[in-house]
Amino acid sequence: MEKTGGQLVVDVLEKEGVTKIFGVPGESYLNVLDAIYEHPQIEYISARQEGGASFMAEGYAKASGQVGVCMATRGPGATNLSIGIHTAHQDSTPLVALIGQVEREFRDREAFQEVDFVGFFSHLCKWTVEINHADRVPELLHRAFHIARSGRPGPVLVSLPEDMLDDVVTKITHQPFRASKISPEQEAVMEAAKLIQEAERPIMIVGGGVILSDSTKQLIALSELTQIPVATAFRRFHAFPNSHDNYVGSLGIGARPDLVQYIQNSDLVIALGTRFSQMTTSDYTLINENSKLIHVDVSEETLGKVYTPTLPIVSDIKSFLEEIVKEPIENNDETRRENTERLRKHYVEFSTPELIKKDDYVDMNSVIYHISKQLPKDAIITSDAGNFFSWLSRYYRYDEGGKYYGPTSGAMGYGMPAAIGAKLAHPDKIVVSFSGDGGYMMTMQDFETAVRYNIPIISIVVNNNIYGTIRTHQERKFPDRMVGTQLSNPNYKEIAESFGGFGERVTNTNEFIPALKRALESNKPALIEVLTDPRILSANHEQTI
């Protein structure tokens, strides 16, 4: 059977189980778009800007557990797509980006929109490849999916020269393949059990590897067996149920000082599926050099990159947890139990918001409190980066299937497009995004995408007319010398309605619950703009200006 390179691309996507592709159409990959027309089980979600498309694909991948797929045309389209690729890289999200490319015979002449994609994206991706021969499409594209989801997952970029997609192939080769799980060495598991048994002040720090391996259940078993407190890495809140007695809080921006101090004074840190990012480690100051460290990760390249482990273990997190609980670990140490109880008490006190009545602005403590009460436990929350995040990270708790998806890269504009991807992965769940007015404006146009495809997300836009996070840093380093952080805004309610969605504008706290209920009942893409006090920049210190 004869097939073009473009048809082979879509055949591979079908074999890999792809049902959603996010992109902005371009003339450099028309053959692929035409081939999608012949595959009704694959839906192409046409976004309004490539950055939004990449965030949709990244959010979809996180929520579905599958490889996300996004597409863009050459040059400007591809560079717009790079923000989501970088996010997928830092978040260890499996993603395949398909990029149209200049015709092969025109390369290296600075042709129209020409960019050397392999060079440009090489440090943002696990692998970059340009397919110059159509008969190699099955081989290289199946390999791209394998690389994206294996080991430490991440993004892969595949460049597709426009004329290659026209070439005709008669022989179809290669099929999808998956690598086996990486299991730990038994000797390492036994040594880990011994270190855990002997520790007096242990702590577990758990990250994305727990989520990706779906091993929260096994993690709970280990924590209960050992009575070790559990902290989650930056923006990895739902790796451990927040209502569990052994959960003691999250790390990163606004982490509790007592939790950080406990970790710094611990005699054993057990790190599971975390890369020790700058945010998680408070600028790499989190772990005392005298503490013993068990670091378990599926990627050997992660081990030793930040802290030198006492015991490095290369393993899938679920496989390690399934093995470690088989060891005869017994610990009824009263001090360990008291430490866990004390940390838990401090977490509950810290993460319980005080309701504040305001007539002139919306109180963010109250917003998160009401959101927690009104949404079902299995709701999905997405967010941008921004100063509003301090309230979300401090007060919202994830239990009974509740999920959080946000960019550890700190990308602005992520929340609403990622919510679209997450809602497509879980149409039966409530999906709510949080954005600041600065971040929302960066991808606001893709609210129309949600309307066009009837994807009923709820976007909460926290409007204080400031680039709040930068203003916070500005005031700390250069007090009373504001430059560039003041904003003005449209009426977001009216914009949402003009797109064909549902809109609300909330000016004080009492208006929020009725607005939220109306948004939930609208069964449309909905936006709730909440006007907050621009003088209050953080939930953690109530910093004012």
Protein backbone atom coordinates (compact mmCIF):
# COMPACT_ATOMS: atom_id res chain seq x y z
CA MET A 1 0.00 0.00 0.00
CA GLU A 2 1.39 3.39 -0.94
CA LYS A 3 1.34 6.11 1.67
CA THR A 4 2.83 9.58 1.87
CA GLY A 5 5.12 10.69 4.68
CA GLY A 6 2.25 12.74 6.09
CA GLN A 7 -0.04 9.71 6.14
CA LEU A 8 2.65 7.64 7.84
CA VAL A 9 2.93 10.26 10.59
CA VAL A 10 -0.76 9.94 11.41
CA ASP A 11 -0.64 6.14 11.18
CA VAL A 12 2.06 6.17 13.86
CA LEU A 13 -0.01 8.50 16.03
CA GLU A 14 -2.96 6.12 15.76
CA LYS A 15 -0.82 3.12 16.69
CA GLU A 16 0.53 5.04 19.69
CA GLY A 17 -3.02 5.58 20.92
CA VAL A 18 -3.12 9.33 20.28
CA THR A 19 -6.66 10.72 20.26
CA LYS A 20 -5.97 14.45 20.78
CA ILE A 21 -3.50 16.72 19.00
CA PHE A 22 -3.12 20.40 19.95
CA GLY A 23 -1.76 22.92 17.50
CA VAL A 24 -2.09 25.84 15.15
CA PRO A 25 -2.41 24.79 11.50
CA GLY A 26 0.38 25.73 9.12
CA GLU A 27 1.22 25.30 5.47
CA SER A 28 4.39 23.35 6.24
CA TYR A 29 2.47 20.28 7.42
CA LEU A 30 -0.69 20.30 5.34
CA ASN A 31 -0.16 16.63 4.44
CA VAL A 32 -0.37 15.67 8.11
CA LEU A 33 -3.54 17.73 8.59
CA ASP A 34 -5.10 16.10 5.55
CA ALA A 35 -4.22 12.64 6.84
CA ILE A 36 -5.89 13.45 10.18
CA TYR A 37 -9.10 13.99 8.18
CA GLU A 38 -9.02 10.27 7.35
CA HIS A 39 -8.69 9.27 11.03
CA PRO A 40 -11.92 10.31 12.81
CA GLN A 41 -10.69 8.85 16.12
CA ILE A 42 -7.94 11.51 16.22
CA GLU A 43 -9.15 15.03 17.00
CA TYR A 44 -7.09 18.07 16.10
CA ILE A 45 -7.71 20.86 18.63
CA SER A 46 -6.93 24.09 16.81
CA ALA A 47 -5.65 26.70 19.24
CA ARG A 48 -5.28 30.45 18.80
CA GLN A 49 -1.56 30.59 19.57
CA GLU A 50 1.11 27.90 19.69
CA GLY A 51 2.09 28.66 23.28
CA GLY A 52 -1.47 27.89 24.33
CA ALA A 53 -1.46 24.71 22.24
CA SER A 54 1.71 23.50 23.94
CA PHE A 55 0.23 24.15 27.39
CA MET A 56 -2.93 22.26 26.40
CA ALA A 57 -0.86 19.26 25.30
CA GLU A 58 1.25 19.39 28.46
CA GLY A 59 -1.81 19.62 30.72
CA TYR A 60 -3.50 16.82 28.79
CA ALA A 61 -0.43 14.60 29.23
CA LYS A 62 -0.30 15.23 32.97
CA ALA A 63 -4.01 14.55 33.43
CA SER A 64 -4.29 11.53 31.11
CA GLY A 65 -0.98 9.83 31.85
CA GLN A 66 -0.43 9.56 28.10
CA VAL A 67 2.08 11.23 25.81
CA GLY A 68 0.84 14.68 24.85
CA VAL A 69 1.12 15.74 21.22
CA CYS A 70 1.34 19.28 19.87
CA MET A 71 2.01 20.63 16.39
CA ALA A 72 3.24 23.89 14.91
CA THR A 73 4.54 25.21 11.66
CA ARG A 74 8.16 26.17 11.08
CA GLY A 75 9.93 29.27 12.40
CA PRO A 76 7.61 31.53 14.43
CA GLY A 77 5.13 28.74 15.13
CA ALA A 78 7.80 26.47 16.53
CA THR A 79 9.42 29.16 18.67
CA ASN A 80 6.01 30.04 20.13
CA LEU A 81 5.62 26.36 20.99
CA SER A 82 8.89 26.35 22.94
CA ILE A 83 7.35 27.62 26.21
CA GLY A 84 5.32 24.44 26.63
CA ILE A 85 8.27 22.30 25.61
CA HIS A 86 10.39 23.93 28.32
CA THR A 87 7.57 23.39 30.83
CA ALA A 88 7.37 19.70 29.88
CA HIS A 89 11.14 19.40 30.29
CA GLN A 90 11.21 20.81 33.81
CA ASP A 91 8.03 18.96 34.82
CA SER A 92 9.13 15.59 33.36
CA THR A 93 6.00 15.46 31.20
CA PRO A 94 5.95 13.08 28.20
CA LEU A 95 5.37 15.21 25.11
CA VAL A 96 5.98 14.85 21.38
CA ALA A 97 6.12 18.07 19.37
CA LEU A 98 5.74 17.73 15.60
CA ILE A 99 7.12 20.71 13.68
CA GLY A 100 6.78 21.49 9.98
CA GLN A 101 10.12 22.36 8.41
CA VAL A 102 11.56 24.03 5.31
CA GLU A 103 11.86 21.85 2.20
CA ARG A 104 15.04 19.81 2.21
CA GLU A 105 16.52 21.39 -0.92
CA PHE A 106 16.09 24.88 0.56
CA ARG A 107 17.85 24.21 3.86
CA ASP A 108 20.84 26.30 4.96
CA ARG A 109 19.88 29.23 2.71
CA GLU A 110 17.93 31.16 5.36
CA ALA A 111 14.77 30.07 3.62
CA PHE A 112 11.35 31.35 4.60
CA GLN A 113 10.92 30.86 8.36
CA GLU A 114 13.95 28.55 8.52
CA VAL A 115 15.25 27.52 11.95
CA ASP A 116 17.64 24.70 12.78
CA PHE A 117 15.23 22.94 15.11
CA VAL A 118 17.59 20.16 16.18
CA GLY A 119 20.08 22.73 17.42
CA PHE A 120 17.51 25.21 18.74
CA PHE A 121 15.60 22.71 20.87
CA SER A 122 18.36 20.25 21.78
CA HIS A 123 18.82 21.45 25.38
CA LEU A 124 15.04 21.71 25.96
CA CYS A 125 14.25 18.16 24.88
CA LYS A 126 15.24 14.61 25.67
CA TRP A 127 15.77 14.10 21.95
CA THR A 128 15.42 16.13 18.77
CA VAL A 129 15.35 14.61 15.31
CA GLU A 130 14.67 15.73 11.75
CA ILE A 131 13.18 13.04 9.50
CA ASN A 132 14.59 13.48 6.00
CA HIS A 133 13.36 10.22 4.49
CA ALA A 134 9.70 9.23 4.57
CA ASP A 135 10.48 5.54 4.86
CA ARG A 136 12.02 6.25 8.29
CA VAL A 137 8.92 7.96 9.70
CA PRO A 138 7.61 4.82 11.50
CA GLU A 139 11.02 3.99 12.96
CA LEU A 140 11.90 7.47 14.22
CA LEU A 141 8.45 8.57 15.34
CA HIS A 142 7.81 5.39 17.35
CA ARG A 143 11.23 5.93 18.91
CA ALA A 144 10.24 9.50 19.75
CA PHE A 145 7.21 8.26 21.72
CA HIS A 146 9.33 5.66 23.49
CA ILE A 147 11.92 8.24 24.53
CA ALA A 148 9.25 10.71 25.66
CA ARG A 149 7.63 8.25 28.09
CA SER A 150 10.59 6.12 29.22
CA GLY A 151 13.00 6.75 32.08
CA ARG A 152 12.49 10.29 33.32
CA PRO A 153 9.74 11.36 30.89
CA GLY A 154 10.07 14.54 28.90
CA PRO A 155 9.59 16.29 25.57
CA VAL A 156 10.84 15.09 22.20
CA LEU A 157 10.81 17.27 19.10
CA VAL A 158 10.39 15.84 15.60
CA SER A 159 11.10 18.09 12.63
CA LEU A 160 9.19 17.22 9.43
CA PRO A 161 10.46 18.80 6.18
CA GLU A 162 7.47 19.82 4.08
CA ASP A 163 8.56 17.99 0.93
CA MET A 164 9.36 14.81 2.86
CA LEU A 165 5.70 14.64 3.84
CA ASP A 166 4.84 14.41 0.13
CA ASP A 167 7.15 11.46 -0.53
CA VAL A 168 5.48 8.10 -1.19
CA VAL A 169 6.48 4.94 0.69
CA THR A 170 5.40 1.39 -0.14
CA LYS A 171 6.85 -0.53 2.82
CA ILE A 172 5.50 0.07 6.33
CA THR A 173 7.91 -0.77 9.14
CA HIS A 174 8.08 -0.64 12.94
CA GLN A 175 5.46 -0.73 15.68
CA PRO A 176 5.09 0.89 19.12
CA PHE A 177 7.27 -0.49 21.89
CA ARG A 178 7.68 0.03 25.60
CA ALA A 179 10.57 -0.58 27.94
CA SER A 180 10.22 -2.69 31.07
CA LYS A 181 10.01 -1.00 34.45
CA ILE A 182 13.30 -0.39 36.20
CA SER A 183 13.39 -2.34 39.46
CA PRO A 184 15.80 -1.73 42.35
CA GLU A 185 18.62 -4.04 43.34
CA GLN A 186 17.66 -6.12 46.36
CA GLU A 187 20.83 -5.18 48.22
CA ALA A 188 19.98 -1.49 47.86
CA VAL A 189 16.46 -2.07 49.18
CA MET A 190 17.83 -3.89 52.21
CA GLU A 191 20.33 -1.12 52.87
CA ALA A 192 17.58 1.47 52.59
CA ALA A 193 15.48 -0.46 55.10
CA LYS A 194 18.42 -0.51 57.51
CA LEU A 195 18.95 3.26 57.22
CA ILE A 196 15.24 3.87 57.78
CA GLN A 197 15.23 1.57 60.81
CA GLU A 198 18.13 3.41 62.42
CA ALA A 199 17.02 7.00 61.74
CA GLU A 200 15.74 9.18 64.58
CA ARG A 201 14.56 12.25 62.61
CA PRO A 202 13.70 11.00 59.11
CA ILE A 203 11.65 12.82 56.48
CA MET A 204 10.33 11.81 53.07
CA ILE A 205 10.34 14.33 50.21
CA VAL A 206 8.21 13.09 47.33
CA GLY A 207 7.89 14.50 43.84
CA GLY A 208 6.65 13.94 40.33
CA GLY A 209 8.03 10.41 40.14
CA VAL A 210 5.38 9.30 42.63
CA ILE A 211 2.64 10.85 40.49
CA LEU A 212 3.99 9.52 37.19
CA SER A 213 4.33 5.98 38.55
CA ASP A 214 0.90 6.15 40.24
CA SER A 215 2.42 4.97 43.51
CA THR A 216 0.65 7.09 46.13
CA LYS A 217 -1.01 3.99 47.60
CA GLN A 218 2.37 2.31 48.11
CA LEU A 219 3.80 5.53 49.52
CA ILE A 220 1.04 5.67 52.12
CA ALA A 221 1.87 2.10 53.13
CA LEU A 222 5.55 2.94 53.66
CA SER A 223 4.77 6.09 55.62
CA GLU A 224 2.34 4.27 57.90
CA LEU A 225 4.73 1.37 58.38
CA THR A 226 7.62 3.64 59.36
CA GLN A 227 5.78 6.63 60.89
CA ILE A 228 7.86 8.95 58.72
CA PRO A 229 6.43 12.39 57.89
CA VAL A 230 5.92 13.18 54.19
CA ALA A 231 6.49 16.52 52.46
CA THR A 232 5.71 17.14 48.80
CA ALA A 233 8.09 18.85 46.38
CA PHE A 234 7.28 22.16 44.69
CA ARG A 235 3.87 22.01 42.92
CA ARG A 236 3.56 18.25 43.51
CA PHE A 237 0.79 18.60 46.12
CA HIS A 238 -1.29 15.54 45.27
CA ALA A 239 1.58 13.03 45.43
CA PHE A 240 0.37 12.29 48.99
CA PRO A 241 -3.15 12.83 50.42
CA ASN A 242 -3.13 16.12 52.29
CA SER A 243 -5.60 14.84 54.90
CA HIS A 244 -3.33 12.00 55.99
CA ASP A 245 -1.91 12.31 59.50
CA ASN A 246 1.63 11.92 58.15
CA TYR A 247 1.39 14.70 55.57
CA VAL A 248 3.28 17.75 56.82
CA GLY A 249 3.18 20.23 53.94
CA SER A 250 4.74 21.27 50.66
CA LEU A 251 8.08 22.78 49.79
CA GLY A 252 8.92 25.69 47.56
CA ILE A 253 7.62 29.25 47.63
CA GLY A 254 6.21 30.03 51.06
CA ALA A 255 7.25 26.74 52.69
CA ARG A 256 6.84 26.79 56.46
CA PRO A 257 10.07 27.71 58.28
CA ASP A 258 9.58 24.95 60.86
CA LEU A 259 9.30 22.31 58.11
CA VAL A 260 12.42 23.58 56.36
CA GLN A 261 14.29 23.61 59.66
CA TYR A 262 13.20 20.07 60.46
CA ILE A 263 14.50 18.85 57.10
CA GLN A 264 17.78 20.69 57.57
CA ASN A 265 18.20 18.98 60.95
CA SER A 266 17.07 15.53 59.82
CA ASP A 267 19.44 12.63 60.10
CA LEU A 268 17.85 10.88 57.09
CA VAL A 269 16.14 12.31 54.01
CA ILE A 270 14.33 9.85 51.73
CA ALA A 271 13.81 11.54 48.36
CA LEU A 272 11.41 9.75 46.01
CA GLY A 273 11.06 10.86 42.41
CA THR A 274 12.23 14.44 42.87
CA ARG A 275 15.06 16.24 41.12
CA PHE A 276 15.70 18.69 43.98
CA SER A 277 14.78 21.78 42.00
CA GLN A 278 15.88 25.24 43.03
CA MET A 279 12.36 25.99 44.27
CA THR A 280 11.94 22.77 46.27
CA THR A 281 15.32 23.22 47.96
CA SER A 282 15.07 26.95 48.71
CA ASP A 283 18.02 27.79 46.46
CA TYR A 284 19.72 24.45 47.19
CA THR A 285 19.97 25.06 50.94
CA LEU A 286 17.45 22.45 52.11
CA ILE A 287 19.58 19.47 53.08
CA ASN A 288 22.37 19.51 55.63
CA GLU A 289 25.58 17.96 54.36
CA ASN A 290 25.67 15.78 57.48
CA SER A 291 22.25 14.25 56.77
CA LYS A 292 22.11 10.84 55.18
CA LEU A 293 20.25 10.79 51.88
CA ILE A 294 18.43 7.96 50.15
CA HIS A 295 17.61 9.23 46.66
CA VAL A 296 15.41 7.05 44.46
CA ASP A 297 14.75 8.09 40.88
CA VAL A 298 14.07 6.39 37.57
CA SER A 299 16.84 8.45 35.93
CA GLU A 300 20.41 7.90 37.02
CA GLU A 301 21.27 11.36 35.63
CA THR A 302 19.14 12.93 38.37
CA LEU A 303 21.11 11.28 41.17
CA GLY A 304 23.94 13.41 42.50
CA LYS A 305 23.08 16.43 40.36
CA VAL A 306 22.30 18.56 43.44
CA TYR A 307 23.05 16.50 46.56
CA THR A 308 25.39 13.54 46.86
CA PRO A 309 23.28 10.61 48.03
CA THR A 310 24.39 8.23 50.74
CA LEU A 311 22.40 5.58 48.91
CA PRO A 312 21.51 6.24 45.25
CA ILE A 313 18.88 3.90 43.83
CA VAL A 314 17.89 3.84 40.17
CA SER A 315 14.35 2.54 40.08
CA ASP A 316 10.78 3.17 39.12
CA ILE A 317 9.26 4.63 42.31
CA LYS A 318 6.39 2.15 42.51
CA SER A 319 8.77 -0.80 42.12
CA PHE A 320 10.96 0.53 44.93
CA LEU A 321 8.02 1.12 47.26
CA GLU A 322 6.59 -2.32 46.58
CA GLU A 323 9.90 -3.87 47.56
CA ILE A 324 10.80 -1.73 50.58
CA VAL A 325 7.54 -2.50 52.42
CA LYS A 326 8.41 -6.20 52.28
CA GLU A 327 11.43 -5.58 54.49
CA PRO A 328 11.11 -6.15 58.25
CA ILE A 329 11.02 -2.47 59.18
CA GLU A 330 9.61 -1.88 62.63
CA ASN A 331 9.69 1.46 64.35
CA ASN A 332 7.65 2.32 67.38
CA ASP A 333 9.95 5.15 68.39
CA GLU A 334 7.98 7.67 70.43
CA THR A 335 10.18 10.58 69.34
CA ARG A 336 9.55 9.86 65.67
CA ARG A 337 5.81 9.76 66.26
CA GLU A 338 5.90 13.00 68.26
CA ASN A 339 7.89 14.75 65.53
CA THR A 340 5.35 13.72 62.92
CA GLU A 341 2.44 14.82 65.08
CA ARG A 342 4.05 18.19 65.76
CA LEU A 343 4.79 18.84 62.09
CA ARG A 344 1.26 17.78 61.16
CA LYS A 345 -0.24 20.12 63.77
CA HIS A 346 1.77 23.03 62.39
CA TYR A 347 0.72 22.18 58.83
CA VAL A 348 -2.99 22.12 59.73
CA GLU A 349 -2.70 25.45 61.53
CA PHE A 350 -0.76 26.97 58.63
CA SER A 351 -3.09 25.67 55.92
CA THR A 352 -6.40 26.60 57.53
CA PRO A 353 -7.47 30.01 56.20
CA GLU A 354 -8.96 32.72 58.36
CA LEU A 355 -12.09 34.10 56.72
CA ILE A 356 -11.86 37.85 56.30
CA LYS A 357 -14.83 40.00 55.33
CA LYS A 358 -14.06 42.74 52.83
CA ASP A 359 -16.52 45.07 51.19
CA ASP A 360 -14.12 46.83 48.81
CA TYR A 361 -12.10 43.84 47.54
CA VAL A 362 -12.21 40.05 47.39
CA ASP A 363 -10.28 38.30 50.17
CA MET A 364 -8.15 35.50 48.72
CA ASN A 365 -8.13 33.49 51.96
CA SER A 366 -11.89 33.27 51.65
CA VAL A 367 -11.79 32.43 47.93
CA ILE A 368 -9.65 29.34 48.51
CA TYR A 369 -11.75 28.34 51.52
CA HIS A 370 -14.99 28.56 49.51
CA ILE A 371 -13.48 26.82 46.49
CA SER A 372 -12.45 23.94 48.75
CA LYS A 373 -15.95 23.66 50.17
CA GLN A 374 -17.88 24.04 46.91
CA LEU A 375 -15.87 21.82 44.57
CA PRO A 376 -16.03 18.01 44.62
CA LYS A 377 -13.03 16.29 46.17
CA ASP A 378 -11.88 14.91 42.82
CA ALA A 379 -11.74 18.33 41.14
CA ILE A 380 -8.69 19.22 39.07
CA ILE A 381 -6.91 22.52 39.73
CA THR A 382 -4.47 24.12 37.30
CA SER A 383 -2.62 27.38 37.71
CA ASP A 384 -0.17 29.87 36.31
CA ALA A 385 2.71 31.32 38.19
CA GLY A 386 1.94 34.54 40.05
CA ASN A 387 1.57 36.03 43.51
CA PHE A 388 -1.98 34.60 43.79
CA PHE A 389 -0.34 31.16 43.89
CA SER A 390 0.78 31.73 47.49
CA TRP A 391 -2.86 31.45 48.64
CA LEU A 392 -3.51 28.39 46.49
CA SER A 393 -0.38 26.56 47.65
CA ARG A 394 -0.97 27.35 51.30
CA TYR A 395 -4.69 26.73 51.74
CA TYR A 396 -6.01 24.29 49.13
CA ARG A 397 -5.82 20.59 50.11
CA TYR A 398 -5.86 17.64 47.71
CA ASP A 399 -7.62 14.43 48.68
CA GLU A 400 -9.82 11.65 47.32
CA GLY A 401 -8.75 12.01 43.72
CA GLY A 402 -8.16 15.76 43.66
CA LYS A 403 -5.29 16.78 41.39
CA TYR A 404 -3.10 19.82 40.84
CA TYR A 405 -1.29 20.58 37.59
CA GLY A 406 0.99 23.58 37.41
CA PRO A 407 4.34 24.48 35.88
CA THR A 408 7.40 23.95 38.06
CA SER A 409 9.09 26.12 35.42
CA GLY A 410 7.02 29.08 36.63
CA ALA A 411 5.53 29.69 33.19
CA MET A 412 2.89 32.40 33.03
CA GLY A 413 -0.15 31.82 30.84
CA TYR A 414 -0.25 28.09 31.68
CA GLY A 415 -3.36 27.73 33.83
CA MET A 416 -6.29 28.18 31.44
CA PRO A 417 -4.87 26.28 28.41
CA ALA A 418 -3.70 23.46 30.69
CA ALA A 419 -7.22 23.30 32.11
CA ILE A 420 -8.53 22.76 28.58
CA GLY A 421 -6.15 19.82 28.15
CA ALA A 422 -7.02 18.39 31.57
CA LYS A 423 -10.77 18.69 30.92
CA LEU A 424 -10.41 16.84 27.61
CA ALA A 425 -8.59 14.08 29.49
CA HIS A 426 -11.28 13.97 32.21
CA PRO A 427 -14.56 15.35 30.82
CA ASP A 428 -16.41 13.98 33.85
CA LYS A 429 -14.47 16.10 36.36
CA ILE A 430 -14.67 19.74 37.36
CA VAL A 431 -11.57 21.58 36.16
CA VAL A 432 -10.74 25.02 37.54
CA SER A 433 -7.79 27.19 36.56
CA PHE A 434 -6.26 30.03 38.57
CA SER A 435 -4.42 32.85 36.84
CA GLY A 436 -3.30 36.34 37.69
CA ASP A 437 -4.31 39.18 35.42
CA GLY A 438 -0.74 39.27 34.08
CA GLY A 439 -0.57 35.59 33.20
CA TYR A 440 -4.14 35.26 31.95
CA MET A 441 -3.68 38.01 29.39
CA MET A 442 -0.79 36.03 27.85
CA THR A 443 -3.02 33.18 26.63
CA MET A 444 -6.47 34.71 27.04
CA GLN A 445 -7.31 34.18 23.36
CA ASP A 446 -7.55 30.41 23.92
CA PHE A 447 -10.68 30.88 26.02
CA GLU A 448 -12.29 31.04 22.57
CA THR A 449 -10.84 27.58 21.89
CA ALA A 450 -12.68 26.27 24.95
CA VAL A 451 -15.90 27.88 23.68
CA ARG A 452 -15.49 26.58 20.13
CA TYR A 453 -14.97 22.99 21.29
CA ASN A 454 -17.48 23.30 24.16
CA ILE A 455 -14.95 22.49 26.90
CA PRO A 456 -16.59 23.73 30.13
CA ILE A 457 -13.67 24.79 32.28
CA ILE A 458 -13.84 27.50 34.96
CA SER A 459 -11.13 30.16 34.86
CA ILE A 460 -10.60 32.27 37.96
CA VAL A 461 -8.68 35.46 37.14
CA VAL A 462 -7.20 37.16 40.19
CA ASN A 463 -7.00 40.80 39.17
CA ASN A 464 -4.91 43.28 41.14
CA ASN A 465 -3.62 45.27 38.13
CA ILE A 466 -0.03 44.32 38.94
CA TYR A 467 2.64 41.87 37.89
CA GLY A 468 2.44 40.82 41.53
CA THR A 469 5.34 38.38 41.88
CA ILE A 470 7.79 40.76 40.23
CA ARG A 471 6.42 43.64 42.25
CA THR A 472 7.07 41.61 45.41
CA HIS A 473 10.70 41.09 44.44
CA GLN A 474 10.95 44.72 43.36
CA GLU A 475 9.72 46.00 46.71
CA ARG A 476 12.07 43.67 48.57
CA LYS A 477 15.18 44.68 46.63
CA PHE A 478 14.36 48.24 45.57
CA PRO A 479 11.62 49.59 47.88
CA ASP A 480 9.39 52.35 46.52
CA ARG A 481 11.08 52.26 43.09
CA MET A 482 8.40 50.66 40.94
CA VAL A 483 9.18 50.18 37.24
CA GLY A 484 7.13 48.21 34.73
CA THR A 485 4.92 46.22 37.10
CA GLN A 486 1.76 48.36 37.08
CA LEU A 487 -0.97 47.13 34.71
CA SER A 488 -4.40 48.14 33.47
CA ASN A 489 -7.04 45.62 32.51
CA PRO A 490 -10.22 45.19 30.48
CA ASN A 491 -13.45 43.87 31.92
CA TYR A 492 -12.74 40.13 31.72
CA LYS A 493 -16.39 39.24 32.31
CA GLU A 494 -17.39 41.08 29.15
CA ILE A 495 -14.57 39.50 27.14
CA ALA A 496 -15.63 36.00 28.24
CA GLU A 497 -19.20 36.75 27.21
CA SER A 498 -18.11 38.20 23.87
CA PHE A 499 -16.28 34.91 23.17
CA GLY A 500 -19.54 33.07 23.81
CA GLY A 501 -18.70 31.85 27.32
CA PHE A 502 -20.05 32.64 30.78
CA GLY A 503 -18.60 35.60 32.69
CA GLU A 504 -18.78 37.00 36.23
CA ARG A 505 -17.04 39.91 37.91
CA VAL A 506 -16.71 39.71 41.69
CA THR A 507 -15.87 42.88 43.62
CA ASN A 508 -16.20 41.62 47.21
CA THR A 509 -16.02 38.31 49.04
CA ASN A 510 -19.79 37.91 49.54
CA GLU A 511 -20.32 37.79 45.79
CA PHE A 512 -17.93 34.91 45.18
CA ILE A 513 -19.98 31.83 46.19
CA PRO A 514 -23.07 32.80 44.11
CA ALA A 515 -20.79 33.55 41.14
CA LEU A 516 -19.05 30.19 41.47
CA LYS A 517 -22.37 28.34 41.65
CA ARG A 518 -23.65 30.12 38.55
CA ALA A 519 -20.43 29.29 36.70
CA LEU A 520 -20.75 25.61 37.62
CA GLU A 521 -24.39 25.56 36.53
CA SER A 522 -23.74 27.33 33.22
CA ASN A 523 -22.18 24.23 31.63
CA LYS A 524 -20.13 26.61 29.49
CA PRO A 525 -16.52 27.69 29.55
CA ALA A 526 -16.74 30.17 32.40
CA LEU A 527 -14.62 32.99 33.76
CA ILE A 528 -14.80 34.57 37.21
CA GLU A 529 -12.80 37.75 37.61
CA VAL A 530 -12.05 38.54 41.25
CA LEU A 531 -10.83 42.01 42.15
CA THR A 532 -8.24 41.85 44.93
CA ASP A 533 -6.40 44.41 47.01
CA PRO A 534 -3.24 45.42 45.11
CA ARG A 535 -1.56 46.33 48.37
CA ILE A 536 -1.53 42.71 49.62
CA LEU A 537 1.00 40.69 47.68
CA SER A 538 1.28 37.38 49.53
CA ALA A 539 -0.65 34.93 51.67
CA ASN A 540 2.44 34.01 53.63
CA HIS A 541 3.53 37.35 54.98
CA GLU A 542 0.57 39.61 54.20
CA GLN A 543 3.14 41.90 52.58
CA THR A 544 1.58 45.25 51.79
CA ILE A 545 2.62 48.19 49.69
